[in-house]
Protein backbone atom coordinates (compact mmCIF):
# COMPACT_ATOMS: atom_id res chain seq x y z
CA MET A 1 98.69 79.27 55.53
CA ARG A 2 96.26 82.76 54.46
CA GLU A 3 93.06 81.15 55.61
CA LYS A 4 94.19 79.86 58.55
CA LEU A 5 95.34 83.81 59.42
CA GLU A 6 92.18 84.72 58.40
CA LYS A 7 90.00 83.25 61.14
CA LEU A 8 92.60 84.49 63.83
CA ALA A 9 92.50 87.46 62.13
CA GLN A 10 88.24 87.14 63.04
CA LEU A 11 88.79 85.58 65.83
CA LEU A 12 90.41 88.06 67.03
CA ARG A 13 87.73 90.92 66.06
CA ASP A 14 84.52 89.00 67.77
CA GLU A 15 86.57 89.05 71.23
CA GLN A 16 87.23 92.47 70.80
CA LYS A 17 83.63 93.26 70.13
CA LYS A 18 82.51 91.35 72.69
CA LEU A 19 84.76 93.61 74.50
CA LEU A 20 83.47 96.65 73.56
CA ALA A 21 79.90 95.31 73.98
CA ALA A 22 80.51 94.58 77.67
CA ALA A 23 82.04 97.57 77.87
CA ALA A 24 79.25 100.49 76.36
CA GLU A 25 76.63 98.73 78.34
CA THR A 26 79.27 99.65 81.86
CA SER A 27 77.39 103.23 83.54
CA GLY A 28 81.09 104.43 83.66
CA LEU A 29 84.45 103.80 81.79
CA PRO A 30 85.49 100.41 81.36
CA SER A 31 88.19 98.68 83.29
CA GLN A 32 91.61 98.96 82.50
CA SER A 33 92.71 95.71 81.82
CA ALA A 34 89.61 95.93 79.90
CA LEU A 35 90.44 99.17 77.90
CA GLN A 36 93.58 97.42 77.39
CA ARG A 37 92.66 93.98 76.20
CA VAL A 38 90.52 95.93 73.34
CA ALA A 39 93.98 97.60 72.28
CA THR A 40 96.00 94.50 72.72
CA LEU A 41 93.44 92.97 69.43
CA GLU A 42 93.42 95.79 67.81
CA LEU A 43 96.92 95.80 67.74
CA ASN A 44 97.01 91.83 66.63
CA ILE A 45 95.01 92.37 64.11
CA SER A 46 96.98 94.68 62.58
CA ALA A 47 99.77 92.50 62.44
CA ILE A 48 97.61 89.79 60.91
CA GLU A 49 96.39 91.93 58.42
CA ASN A 50 99.75 93.25 57.53
CA THR A 51 100.87 89.87 56.76
CA LEU A 52 97.91 88.58 54.92
CA GLN A 53 98.61 92.23 52.56
CA ASP A 54 102.50 91.50 52.10
CA MET A 55 101.25 87.92 50.81
CA GLY A 56 98.87 88.96 48.27
């Protein structure tokens, strides 16, 4: 289970990095949907990290 959660967390981090890189390329503020997606990914990453920490 731990390995699967770590893999999922990495996939989410990679997706978040892609979104942030794309947002950095825009001349203005990123779209609200892009910001929301980054925030949602962060929440999910944190949840997985907390679960992994609780597992010991």
